[in-house]
Amino acid sequence: MPQTEARDKTSAPAVPKSTLGVGIIGVNPAWGWAATAHIPALRALPNYEIRALSARSAESAREVGQAFGVSAVFSDHRELVIQPDIDVVAVTVKVPHHRELVSAALAAGKAVYCEWPLGRDLDDARAMAALAAEKSVRTVVGLQARQAAAVEFVQQLLRDGYVGEVLSTTIVGLSIAGDKLVQPNGYMLDKTNGANLLTVAFGHSLDMLSYVLGEFAELSAVSDVRRPVITIQETGERIVKTAADQIAVIGTLNSGATASIHIREAVAGGTGFLWEINGTDGTLRITADAALPEIFPLTVAGAQGRNEPAQLAIPAAMTQKWPTLASLEGTPAFNVARAYAAFAGDIDNGTHTVPDFGDAVRRHELIAAIEKSAASGQRVKA
């Protein structure tokens, strides 16, 4: 097992020194990740204040301002990012627009929280990370499964030797519905848009595994489109899909452990999400309803020797690290709020406990290696 950094250890969070003003780009009052996760998360944290919102049109901006009680609203993101009372810009739009909006915020010297995937591809991600480094600004990427209390608990169990030496690990899981898709997510059917099974459900699961157990040294991958035509739920339109709906990877971690991941779009009666970590002395099983560990609550079970697995209680010190977030537990906003809370501590203390754009580049590099292996049929260095 790789050495675990001190930043992973459970400790009382530092009290932030000042209130951070946030501007959110890409808000819809009726649906979307900003309304579902970011706004509830920020409102539960006393050290953040939502000070500006932007939407696609002046009318939409007025609507979101009224819906969320924010007076500063914009239809042009370039106006939002230059506001002097904005410290952090959150980018919650569709992936193809990330680079333009993130770059504008970075150029204005603002810290940026960008949803995952950071870009449509590795080149996009590298360009944004380079600009952030050039401007010397703080960044966060939305790989918030790292902030889940269950993940922190698993790290602690591994440090304490619960499974002994890690020999292998396996993830199997389901993503979104198989033959129908809601209209706002229709763009995910086009592989070139950068938001699909590989980058989202697979990407979040891959990041959690790599964060806890270490990076892949080499891997082999296969991918396929098994449902080539998808129906848009609201309209009945049939759209040809170019993004893979079956992705399987097997490889070796830097620690020497064997690792495999198979994520597929929803099938009847399939396992929602199961992650096993198998060691010389025991096994850990992490489960959820779907292969979106950043959203769905995770449960942890364990077995040592020849005993049957039993659920393990996550310590209250981990689940209640930030008491003001108690009302969000079990919701999609919970891990996002924990990421924001940790980020405020990072800003105050000069630490690095949340994934930044550099971490995002590493994950995009691994995804590029998976694509290369799947296209060539060859085992590749990760």
Protein backbone atom coordinates (compact mmCIF):
# COMPACT_ATOMS: atom_id res chain seq x y z
CA MET A 1 0.00 0.00 0.00
CA PRO A 2 1.35 3.49 -0.82
CA GLN A 3 2.30 5.86 1.94
CA THR A 4 -0.65 8.01 2.97
CA GLU A 5 0.03 11.70 3.25
CA ALA A 6 -0.57 13.58 6.47
CA ARG A 7 -3.34 15.54 4.77
CA ASP A 8 -5.52 12.41 4.78
CA LYS A 9 -5.53 12.04 8.55
CA THR A 10 -8.58 12.89 10.60
CA SER A 11 -8.18 16.17 12.45
CA ALA A 12 -10.30 19.03 13.66
CA PRO A 13 -10.82 21.44 10.75
CA ALA A 14 -9.33 24.88 11.10
CA VAL A 15 -11.76 27.78 11.46
CA PRO A 16 -11.56 29.91 8.29
CA LYS A 17 -10.34 33.45 8.86
CA SER A 18 -12.63 35.32 6.49
CA THR A 19 -15.77 35.09 4.38
CA LEU A 20 -15.20 34.12 0.77
CA GLY A 21 -17.42 35.68 -1.88
CA VAL A 22 -18.54 33.24 -4.58
CA GLY A 23 -19.81 33.83 -8.09
CA ILE A 24 -21.44 30.87 -9.84
CA ILE A 25 -21.42 30.60 -13.63
CA GLY A 26 -24.16 28.41 -15.09
CA VAL A 27 -27.25 28.55 -12.88
CA ASN A 28 -30.75 27.38 -13.73
CA PRO A 29 -33.55 27.74 -11.15
CA ALA A 30 -35.28 24.51 -12.15
CA TRP A 31 -32.48 21.97 -12.62
CA GLY A 32 -28.72 21.57 -12.86
CA TRP A 33 -25.77 20.90 -10.59
CA ALA A 34 -25.50 24.48 -9.32
CA ALA A 35 -29.03 24.39 -7.89
CA THR A 36 -28.75 20.77 -6.73
CA ALA A 37 -25.34 20.88 -5.08
CA HIS A 38 -23.35 24.12 -5.11
CA ILE A 39 -25.96 26.52 -3.80
CA PRO A 40 -27.15 24.28 -0.91
CA ALA A 41 -23.52 23.51 -0.08
CA LEU A 42 -22.44 27.15 0.06
CA ARG A 43 -25.49 28.22 2.06
CA ALA A 44 -24.63 25.65 4.73
CA LEU A 45 -21.12 27.09 5.21
CA PRO A 46 -20.83 30.29 7.28
CA ASN A 47 -17.49 31.23 5.72
CA TYR A 48 -18.92 31.50 2.19
CA GLU A 49 -21.36 33.97 0.67
CA ILE A 50 -22.96 33.67 -2.77
CA ARG A 51 -22.53 37.16 -4.19
CA ALA A 52 -23.18 36.77 -7.91
CA LEU A 53 -24.80 34.41 -10.41
CA SER A 54 -24.71 34.22 -14.18
CA ALA A 55 -26.96 32.55 -16.72
CA ARG A 56 -27.23 32.38 -20.49
CA SER A 57 -29.52 35.37 -21.00
CA ALA A 58 -30.59 38.53 -19.19
CA GLU A 59 -34.04 37.01 -18.58
CA SER A 60 -32.56 33.79 -17.17
CA ALA A 61 -30.20 35.81 -14.98
CA ARG A 62 -33.13 37.75 -13.50
CA GLU A 63 -34.99 34.50 -12.86
CA VAL A 64 -32.11 32.84 -11.03
CA GLY A 65 -31.49 36.00 -9.01
CA GLN A 66 -35.09 36.00 -7.83
CA ALA A 67 -35.12 32.25 -7.22
CA PHE A 68 -32.02 32.26 -5.03
CA GLY A 69 -32.17 35.76 -3.55
CA VAL A 70 -28.99 37.06 -5.15
CA SER A 71 -29.08 40.64 -6.42
CA ALA A 72 -25.91 40.64 -8.56
CA VAL A 73 -26.78 38.67 -11.70
CA PHE A 74 -25.13 38.66 -15.11
CA SER A 75 -25.76 37.27 -18.57
CA ASP A 76 -22.08 37.76 -19.47
CA HIS A 77 -19.57 35.74 -17.46
CA ARG A 78 -16.86 38.31 -18.20
CA GLU A 79 -18.70 40.82 -16.03
CA LEU A 80 -19.06 38.39 -13.15
CA VAL A 81 -15.38 37.42 -12.96
CA ILE A 82 -14.17 41.02 -12.59
CA GLN A 83 -16.40 41.88 -9.63
CA PRO A 84 -14.13 42.97 -6.75
CA ASP A 85 -16.14 41.16 -4.07
CA ILE A 86 -15.82 37.76 -5.80
CA ASP A 87 -13.02 35.58 -4.42
CA VAL A 88 -14.02 32.22 -5.90
CA VAL A 89 -15.69 31.53 -9.26
CA ALA A 90 -17.60 28.25 -9.54
CA VAL A 91 -18.00 26.92 -13.09
CA THR A 92 -20.97 24.55 -13.32
CA VAL A 93 -21.78 24.56 -17.04
CA LYS A 94 -21.47 21.82 -19.66
CA VAL A 95 -17.94 20.56 -20.22
CA PRO A 96 -17.34 22.03 -23.72
CA HIS A 97 -17.59 25.53 -22.19
CA HIS A 98 -15.25 24.93 -19.24
CA ARG A 99 -12.04 26.15 -20.85
CA GLU A 100 -13.43 29.52 -21.97
CA LEU A 101 -15.11 30.31 -18.65
CA VAL A 102 -12.35 28.98 -16.42
CA SER A 103 -9.73 30.87 -18.41
CA ALA A 104 -11.64 34.13 -18.00
CA ALA A 105 -11.85 33.64 -14.22
CA LEU A 106 -8.16 32.72 -13.94
CA ALA A 107 -7.16 35.72 -16.06
CA ALA A 108 -9.08 37.90 -13.59
CA GLY A 109 -7.01 36.42 -10.75
CA LYS A 110 -9.89 34.54 -9.13
CA ALA A 111 -9.74 31.17 -7.42
CA VAL A 112 -11.78 28.65 -9.43
CA TYR A 113 -13.91 25.64 -8.53
CA CYS A 114 -14.57 23.83 -11.82
CA GLU A 115 -16.76 20.80 -12.15
CA TRP A 116 -15.29 17.53 -13.41
CA PRO A 117 -14.26 16.71 -16.12
CA LEU A 118 -12.02 19.76 -16.14
CA GLY A 119 -11.93 19.83 -19.94
CA ARG A 120 -13.10 18.02 -23.04
CA ASP A 121 -9.71 16.30 -23.25
CA LEU A 122 -6.18 16.28 -21.88
CA ASP A 123 -5.13 19.33 -23.90
CA ASP A 124 -7.95 21.41 -22.40
CA ALA A 125 -7.01 20.32 -18.88
CA ARG A 126 -3.31 21.04 -19.34
CA ALA A 127 -4.03 24.50 -20.72
CA MET A 128 -6.19 25.44 -17.73
CA ALA A 129 -3.73 24.02 -15.21
CA ALA A 130 -0.88 25.93 -16.87
CA LEU A 131 -2.82 29.19 -16.73
CA ALA A 132 -3.68 28.64 -13.06
CA ALA A 133 0.00 28.08 -12.30
CA GLU A 134 0.98 31.16 -14.30
CA LYS A 135 -1.54 33.31 -12.38
CA SER A 136 -0.65 31.67 -9.03
CA VAL A 137 -4.30 31.17 -8.09
CA ARG A 138 -5.96 28.42 -6.10
CA THR A 139 -8.13 25.88 -7.90
CA VAL A 140 -10.50 23.02 -7.12
CA VAL A 141 -11.83 20.38 -9.49
CA GLY A 142 -15.10 18.61 -8.71
CA LEU A 143 -13.72 15.19 -7.80
CA GLN A 144 -15.49 15.46 -4.46
CA ALA A 145 -15.71 11.71 -3.81
CA ARG A 146 -12.31 12.22 -2.17
CA GLN A 147 -14.10 14.27 0.49
CA ALA A 148 -16.60 11.51 1.38
CA ALA A 149 -16.42 10.44 5.02
CA ALA A 150 -16.47 6.81 3.91
CA VAL A 151 -13.34 7.36 1.83
CA GLU A 152 -11.58 8.93 4.80
CA PHE A 153 -12.66 5.94 6.91
CA VAL A 154 -11.32 3.44 4.36
CA GLN A 155 -7.99 5.28 4.32
CA GLN A 156 -7.84 5.05 8.12
CA LEU A 157 -8.64 1.32 8.08
CA LEU A 158 -5.89 0.70 5.52
CA ARG A 159 -3.37 2.68 7.55
CA ASP A 160 -4.34 0.65 10.60
CA GLY A 161 -3.66 -2.59 8.71
CA TYR A 162 -7.25 -3.85 8.57
CA VAL A 163 -6.67 -5.80 5.32
CA GLY A 164 -2.94 -6.29 5.73
CA GLU A 165 -1.04 -5.90 2.46
CA VAL A 166 -3.34 -4.91 -0.39
CA LEU A 167 -3.19 -7.66 -3.03
CA SER A 168 -5.94 -6.59 -5.43
CA THR A 169 -8.93 -4.32 -5.87
CA THR A 170 -12.03 -4.46 -8.05
CA ILE A 171 -14.80 -1.99 -8.91
CA VAL A 172 -17.99 -2.90 -10.75
CA GLY A 173 -20.82 -0.44 -11.21
CA LEU A 174 -23.69 1.08 -13.16
CA SER A 175 -24.08 4.56 -14.56
CA ILE A 176 -27.07 6.39 -16.07
CA ALA A 177 -30.17 4.81 -17.64
CA GLY A 178 -29.38 2.59 -20.57
CA ASP A 179 -31.83 3.39 -23.37
CA LYS A 180 -33.31 6.79 -22.46
CA LEU A 181 -31.77 10.10 -21.45
CA VAL A 182 -33.19 13.41 -20.28
CA GLN A 183 -32.73 16.20 -22.79
CA PRO A 184 -30.22 18.34 -20.81
CA ASN A 185 -27.84 15.35 -20.77
CA GLY A 186 -28.22 14.54 -24.44
CA TYR A 187 -24.88 16.17 -25.21
CA MET A 188 -23.20 13.35 -23.28
CA LEU A 189 -23.94 10.96 -26.15
CA ASP A 190 -21.30 12.70 -28.28
CA LYS A 191 -17.85 11.52 -27.25
CA THR A 192 -16.18 14.76 -28.42
CA ASN A 193 -18.05 16.80 -25.80
CA GLY A 194 -15.94 15.23 -23.06
CA ALA A 195 -18.74 14.28 -20.65
CA ASN A 196 -19.59 10.59 -20.91
CA LEU A 197 -19.38 7.25 -19.17
CA LEU A 198 -15.57 7.20 -19.29
CA THR A 199 -15.00 10.67 -17.88
CA VAL A 200 -17.92 10.89 -15.44
CA ALA A 201 -18.99 7.60 -13.82
CA PHE A 202 -15.75 5.80 -14.66
CA GLY A 203 -13.65 8.90 -14.00
CA HIS A 204 -15.03 9.53 -10.51
CA SER A 205 -14.68 5.85 -9.57
CA LEU A 206 -11.16 5.72 -10.99
CA ASP A 207 -10.14 8.84 -9.11
CA MET A 208 -11.40 7.47 -5.80
CA LEU A 209 -9.52 4.21 -6.28
CA SER A 210 -6.30 5.98 -7.27
CA TYR A 211 -6.59 8.48 -4.42
CA VAL A 212 -6.89 5.71 -1.84
CA LEU A 213 -4.62 2.99 -3.26
CA GLY A 214 -2.22 4.83 -5.57
CA GLU A 215 -1.87 5.32 -9.30
CA PHE A 216 -1.84 2.74 -12.08
CA ALA A 217 1.59 1.78 -13.40
CA GLU A 218 0.22 0.12 -16.53
CA LEU A 219 -3.14 -1.03 -17.82
CA SER A 220 -5.18 -2.71 -20.55
CA ALA A 221 -8.61 -1.43 -21.53
CA VAL A 222 -11.59 -2.34 -23.69
CA SER A 223 -14.56 -0.16 -24.50
CA ASP A 224 -17.61 -0.56 -26.68
CA VAL A 225 -20.93 0.98 -27.66
CA ARG A 226 -23.51 -1.71 -26.95
CA ARG A 227 -26.57 0.57 -27.12
CA PRO A 228 -25.84 2.67 -30.23
CA VAL A 229 -29.16 4.54 -30.34
CA ILE A 230 -30.64 6.41 -27.37
CA THR A 231 -34.09 7.99 -26.97
CA ILE A 232 -34.43 11.52 -25.59
CA GLN A 233 -37.03 11.15 -22.89
CA GLU A 234 -38.92 14.43 -23.37
CA THR A 235 -39.15 14.37 -27.17
CA GLY A 236 -38.83 10.74 -28.23
CA GLU A 237 -36.01 11.71 -30.60
CA ARG A 238 -33.61 8.87 -31.39
CA ILE A 239 -29.94 9.87 -31.32
CA VAL A 240 -26.90 7.89 -32.40
CA LYS A 241 -24.41 7.58 -29.56
CA THR A 242 -20.65 7.77 -30.11
CA ALA A 243 -19.58 7.58 -26.46
CA ALA A 244 -18.80 4.11 -25.07
CA ASP A 245 -21.31 2.54 -22.70
CA GLN A 246 -19.09 -0.38 -21.62
CA ILE A 247 -15.61 0.28 -20.25
CA ALA A 248 -13.36 -2.24 -18.54
CA VAL A 249 -9.79 -1.74 -17.34
CA ILE A 250 -7.37 -4.15 -15.72
CA GLY A 251 -3.90 -3.20 -14.65
CA THR A 252 -1.21 -3.01 -12.01
CA LEU A 253 -0.91 -0.24 -9.44
CA ASN A 254 2.44 1.24 -8.49
CA SER A 255 2.17 -0.77 -5.26
CA GLY A 256 2.06 -4.00 -7.28
CA ALA A 257 -1.61 -4.67 -6.54
CA THR A 258 -3.84 -5.91 -9.36
CA ALA A 259 -6.75 -3.57 -10.11
CA SER A 260 -9.83 -3.90 -12.30
CA ILE A 261 -12.74 -1.58 -13.03
CA HIS A 262 -15.84 -2.30 -15.12
CA ILE A 263 -18.44 0.46 -15.41
CA ARG A 264 -21.45 0.09 -17.69
CA GLU A 265 -24.60 1.99 -18.40
CA ALA A 266 -27.67 0.76 -16.57
CA VAL A 267 -28.76 -2.83 -17.11
CA ALA A 268 -31.69 -4.66 -15.55
CA GLY A 269 -30.87 -5.95 -12.10
CA GLY A 270 -27.16 -5.11 -12.19
CA THR A 271 -24.97 -4.22 -9.22
CA GLY A 272 -25.14 -0.48 -8.60
CA PHE A 273 -21.64 -0.03 -7.18
CA LEU A 274 -19.27 -2.42 -5.45
CA TRP A 275 -15.63 -1.71 -4.64
CA GLU A 276 -13.60 -4.44 -2.99
CA ILE A 277 -10.13 -4.04 -1.55
CA ASN A 278 -8.61 -7.46 -0.90
CA GLY A 279 -5.59 -7.97 1.31
CA THR A 280 -3.56 -10.63 3.04
CA ASP A 281 -5.58 -10.28 6.26
CA GLY A 282 -8.99 -9.02 5.22
CA THR A 283 -11.32 -7.37 2.74
CA LEU A 284 -13.17 -4.06 2.59
CA ARG A 285 -16.37 -3.63 0.57
CA ILE A 286 -17.61 -0.17 -0.31
CA THR A 287 -21.09 -0.04 -1.85
CA ALA A 288 -23.55 2.51 -3.24
CA ASP A 289 -26.62 2.66 -5.46
CA ALA A 290 -24.69 3.67 -8.60
CA ALA A 291 -21.16 4.22 -9.88
CA LEU A 292 -21.22 7.88 -8.91
CA PRO A 293 -19.42 7.79 -5.56
CA GLU A 294 -19.23 11.57 -5.47
CA ILE A 295 -23.05 11.73 -5.25
CA PHE A 296 -24.46 8.54 -3.74
CA PRO A 297 -23.85 7.71 -0.05
CA LEU A 298 -21.22 5.02 0.47
CA THR A 299 -21.40 2.20 3.00
CA VAL A 300 -18.37 0.31 4.27
CA ALA A 301 -18.26 -3.36 5.26
CA GLY A 302 -15.30 -5.44 6.27
CA ALA A 303 -14.18 -8.98 6.99
CA GLN A 304 -10.96 -10.33 8.43
CA GLY A 305 -9.70 -13.87 8.11
CA ARG A 306 -12.56 -16.20 7.21
CA ASN A 307 -15.30 -14.09 8.78
CA GLU A 308 -18.30 -12.88 6.81
CA PRO A 309 -18.36 -9.17 5.88
CA ALA A 310 -20.19 -6.93 8.34
CA GLN A 311 -21.03 -3.25 8.04
CA LEU A 312 -18.59 -0.94 9.78
CA ALA A 313 -19.78 2.30 11.36
CA ILE A 314 -18.07 5.40 10.02
CA PRO A 315 -16.80 7.40 13.04
CA ALA A 316 -18.82 10.50 13.91
CA ALA A 317 -15.59 12.52 13.91
CA MET A 318 -15.47 11.94 10.14
CA THR A 319 -19.14 12.34 9.25
CA GLN A 320 -19.55 15.41 11.46
CA LYS A 321 -16.26 17.13 10.72
CA TRP A 322 -18.22 20.26 9.74
CA PRO A 323 -21.35 20.32 11.96
CA THR A 324 -23.19 22.93 9.88
CA LEU A 325 -23.41 20.40 7.04
CA ALA A 326 -25.47 17.86 9.01
CA SER A 327 -28.68 18.73 7.15
CA LEU A 328 -27.01 17.89 3.81
CA GLU A 329 -25.89 14.37 4.72
CA GLY A 330 -27.18 11.86 2.18
CA THR A 331 -27.79 14.52 -0.48
CA PRO A 332 -25.74 15.34 -3.61
CA ALA A 333 -24.63 18.58 -1.94
CA PHE A 334 -22.88 16.90 1.01
CA ASN A 335 -19.50 16.07 -0.51
CA VAL A 336 -19.48 19.32 -2.51
CA ALA A 337 -19.96 21.20 0.76
CA ARG A 338 -17.15 19.22 2.39
CA ALA A 339 -14.90 20.13 -0.55
CA TYR A 340 -15.73 23.83 -0.18
CA ALA A 341 -15.12 23.64 3.58
CA ALA A 342 -11.75 21.99 3.09
CA PHE A 343 -10.84 24.48 0.36
CA ALA A 344 -11.44 27.40 2.71
CA GLY A 345 -9.02 25.77 5.16
CA ASP A 346 -6.49 25.27 2.37
CA ILE A 347 -6.65 28.97 1.49
CA ASP A 348 -6.13 30.02 5.09
CA ASN A 349 -3.42 27.49 5.93
CA GLY A 350 -1.56 27.00 2.66
CA THR A 351 -2.49 23.31 2.58
CA HIS A 352 -3.65 21.03 -0.27
CA THR A 353 -6.47 18.76 0.85
CA VAL A 354 -8.83 19.12 -2.12
CA PRO A 355 -8.03 18.06 -5.70
CA ASP A 356 -6.79 20.95 -7.84
CA PHE A 357 -6.21 21.38 -11.56
CA GLY A 358 -2.89 19.56 -11.31
CA ASP A 359 -4.71 16.54 -9.88
CA ALA A 360 -7.25 16.87 -12.68
CA VAL A 361 -4.50 16.73 -15.30
CA ARG A 362 -3.22 13.48 -13.80
CA ARG A 363 -6.70 11.98 -14.03
CA HIS A 364 -7.11 13.19 -17.62
CA GLU A 365 -3.73 11.61 -18.43
CA LEU A 366 -4.95 8.28 -17.08
CA ILE A 367 -8.18 8.55 -19.08
CA ALA A 368 -6.09 9.26 -22.20
CA ALA A 369 -4.07 6.11 -21.48
CA ILE A 370 -7.30 4.11 -21.20
CA GLU A 371 -8.48 5.47 -24.55
CA LYS A 372 -5.13 4.64 -26.13
CA SER A 373 -5.21 1.07 -24.85
CA ALA A 374 -8.83 0.52 -25.90
CA ALA A 375 -8.12 1.84 -29.40
CA SER A 376 -4.88 -0.13 -29.90
CA GLY A 377 -5.66 -3.31 -28.02
CA GLN A 378 -2.28 -2.97 -26.32
CA ARG A 379 -1.24 -2.75 -22.69
CA VAL A 380 0.10 0.76 -22.00
CA LYS A 381 2.07 2.61 -19.36
CA ALA A 382 -0.19 4.77 -17.25
